[in-house]
């Protein structure tokens, strides 16, 4: 059985996944999520062997769980 997609269905915006459910984040999303500035995040992503950077071509994404772990281990209260 084949399902047809109407024009109205094709025009719907895709549902947005909440940031806390995403596997990877853009730098902008990571900045919003962590309240760390974009420039600081860029510097952190350039660290040698950064545990939370994922390269997709030239694009850098932030692995959310590894980023959370890194922050929890490095934050001093």
C-alpha atoms as a PDB file:
ATOM      1  CA  UNK A   1       0.000   0.000   0.000  1.00  0.00           C
ATOM      2  CA  UNK A   2       1.326   3.420  -0.949  1.00  0.00           C
ATOM      3  CA  UNK A   3       0.733   6.536   1.127  1.00  0.00           C
ATOM      4  CA  UNK A   4       0.268   9.781  -0.738  1.00  0.00           C
ATOM      5  CA  UNK A   5       1.486  13.030   0.758  1.00  0.00           C
ATOM      6  CA  UNK A   6      -0.754  15.965   0.041  1.00  0.00           C
ATOM      7  CA  UNK A   7       0.573  19.445  -0.687  1.00  0.00           C
ATOM      8  CA  UNK A   8      -0.775  20.586   2.652  1.00  0.00           C
ATOM      9  CA  UNK A   9       1.281  17.930   4.495  1.00  0.00           C
ATOM     10  CA  UNK A  10       4.409  18.851   2.543  1.00  0.00           C
ATOM     11  CA  UNK A  11       4.074  22.519   3.548  1.00  0.00           C
ATOM     12  CA  UNK A  12       3.993  21.810   7.290  1.00  0.00           C
ATOM     13  CA  UNK A  13       7.069  22.832   9.223  1.00  0.00           C
ATOM     14  CA  UNK A  14       8.928  19.872  10.682  1.00  0.00           C
ATOM     15  CA  UNK A  15       8.477  19.408  14.412  1.00  0.00           C
ATOM     16  CA  UNK A  16      11.298  20.903  16.436  1.00  0.00           C
ATOM     17  CA  UNK A  17      13.238  18.620  18.752  1.00  0.00           C
ATOM     18  CA  UNK A  18      13.992  20.226  22.129  1.00  0.00           C
ATOM     19  CA  UNK A  19      17.687  20.979  22.668  1.00  0.00           C
ATOM     20  CA  UNK A  20      17.918  18.651  25.675  1.00  0.00           C
ATOM     21  CA  UNK A  21      16.820  15.712  23.472  1.00  0.00           C
ATOM     22  CA  UNK A  22      19.245  16.322  20.592  1.00  0.00           C
ATOM     23  CA  UNK A  23      22.349  14.185  20.155  1.00  0.00           C
ATOM     24  CA  UNK A  24      24.373  17.003  18.607  1.00  0.00           C
ATOM     25  CA  UNK A  25      24.046  20.759  18.855  1.00  0.00           C
ATOM     26  CA  UNK A  26      25.160  23.599  16.654  1.00  0.00           C
ATOM     27  CA  UNK A  27      27.550  26.046  18.280  1.00  0.00           C
ATOM     28  CA  UNK A  28      24.696  28.531  18.651  1.00  0.00           C
ATOM     29  CA  UNK A  29      22.469  25.916  20.326  1.00  0.00           C
ATOM     30  CA  UNK A  30      25.321  24.863  22.636  1.00  0.00           C
ATOM     31  CA  UNK A  31      25.882  28.502  23.595  1.00  0.00           C
ATOM     32  CA  UNK A  32      22.203  28.946  24.388  1.00  0.00           C
ATOM     33  CA  UNK A  33      22.048  25.627  26.255  1.00  0.00           C
ATOM     34  CA  UNK A  34      25.127  26.267  28.413  1.00  0.00           C
ATOM     35  CA  UNK A  35      25.100  30.067  28.662  1.00  0.00           C
ATOM     36  CA  UNK A  36      28.690  30.082  27.356  1.00  0.00           C
ATOM     37  CA  UNK A  37      29.566  32.589  24.656  1.00  0.00           C
ATOM     38  CA  UNK A  38      30.006  31.518  21.047  1.00  0.00           C
ATOM     39  CA  UNK A  39      33.622  32.734  20.922  1.00  0.00           C
ATOM     40  CA  UNK A  40      34.513  30.780  24.068  1.00  0.00           C
ATOM     41  CA  UNK A  41      32.851  27.669  22.655  1.00  0.00           C
ATOM     42  CA  UNK A  42      34.788  28.051  19.400  1.00  0.00           C
ATOM     43  CA  UNK A  43      38.017  28.163  21.441  1.00  0.00           C
ATOM     44  CA  UNK A  44      36.973  25.099  23.435  1.00  0.00           C
ATOM     45  CA  UNK A  45      36.199  23.180  20.229  1.00  0.00           C
ATOM     46  CA  UNK A  46      39.719  23.953  18.943  1.00  0.00           C
ATOM     47  CA  UNK A  47      41.329  22.268  21.972  1.00  0.00           C
ATOM     48  CA  UNK A  48      43.476  19.274  21.027  1.00  0.00           C
ATOM     49  CA  UNK A  49      41.463  16.077  21.452  1.00  0.00           C
ATOM     50  CA  UNK A  50      38.327  17.965  22.410  1.00  0.00           C
ATOM     51  CA  UNK A  51      35.985  15.198  23.643  1.00  0.00           C
ATOM     52  CA  UNK A  52      32.763  16.855  22.512  1.00  0.00           C
ATOM     53  CA  UNK A  53      33.478  18.085  18.981  1.00  0.00           C
ATOM     54  CA  UNK A  54      32.086  16.277  15.943  1.00  0.00           C
ATOM     55  CA  UNK A  55      33.270  17.325  12.498  1.00  0.00           C
ATOM     56  CA  UNK A  56      30.818  17.010   9.618  1.00  0.00           C
ATOM     57  CA  UNK A  57      32.932  18.202   6.737  1.00  0.00           C
ATOM     58  CA  UNK A  58      34.100  21.652   7.832  1.00  0.00           C
ATOM     59  CA  UNK A  59      31.124  22.107  10.138  1.00  0.00           C
ATOM     60  CA  UNK A  60      31.652  21.605  13.870  1.00  0.00           C
ATOM     61  CA  UNK A  61      28.883  20.153  16.007  1.00  0.00           C
ATOM     62  CA  UNK A  62      28.829  19.678  19.766  1.00  0.00           C
ATOM     63  CA  UNK A  63      28.117  16.211  21.166  1.00  0.00           C
ATOM     64  CA  UNK A  64      25.604  17.157  23.854  1.00  0.00           C
ATOM     65  CA  UNK A  65      26.184  14.340  26.379  1.00  0.00           C
ATOM     66  CA  UNK A  66      29.981  14.617  26.172  1.00  0.00           C
ATOM     67  CA  UNK A  67      29.681  18.409  26.471  1.00  0.00           C
ATOM     68  CA  UNK A  68      27.511  18.053  29.593  1.00  0.00           C
ATOM     69  CA  UNK A  69      30.009  15.578  31.077  1.00  0.00           C
ATOM     70  CA  UNK A  70      32.933  17.902  30.307  1.00  0.00           C
ATOM     71  CA  UNK A  71      31.149  20.824  31.964  1.00  0.00           C
ATOM     72  CA  UNK A  72      30.195  18.856  35.060  1.00  0.00           C
ATOM     73  CA  UNK A  73      33.797  17.630  35.480  1.00  0.00           C
ATOM     74  CA  UNK A  74      35.425  21.033  34.965  1.00  0.00           C
ATOM     75  CA  UNK A  75      33.053  23.371  36.785  1.00  0.00           C
ATOM     76  CA  UNK A  76      34.328  24.342  40.194  1.00  0.00           C
ATOM     77  CA  UNK A  77      31.679  25.358  42.690  1.00  0.00           C
END
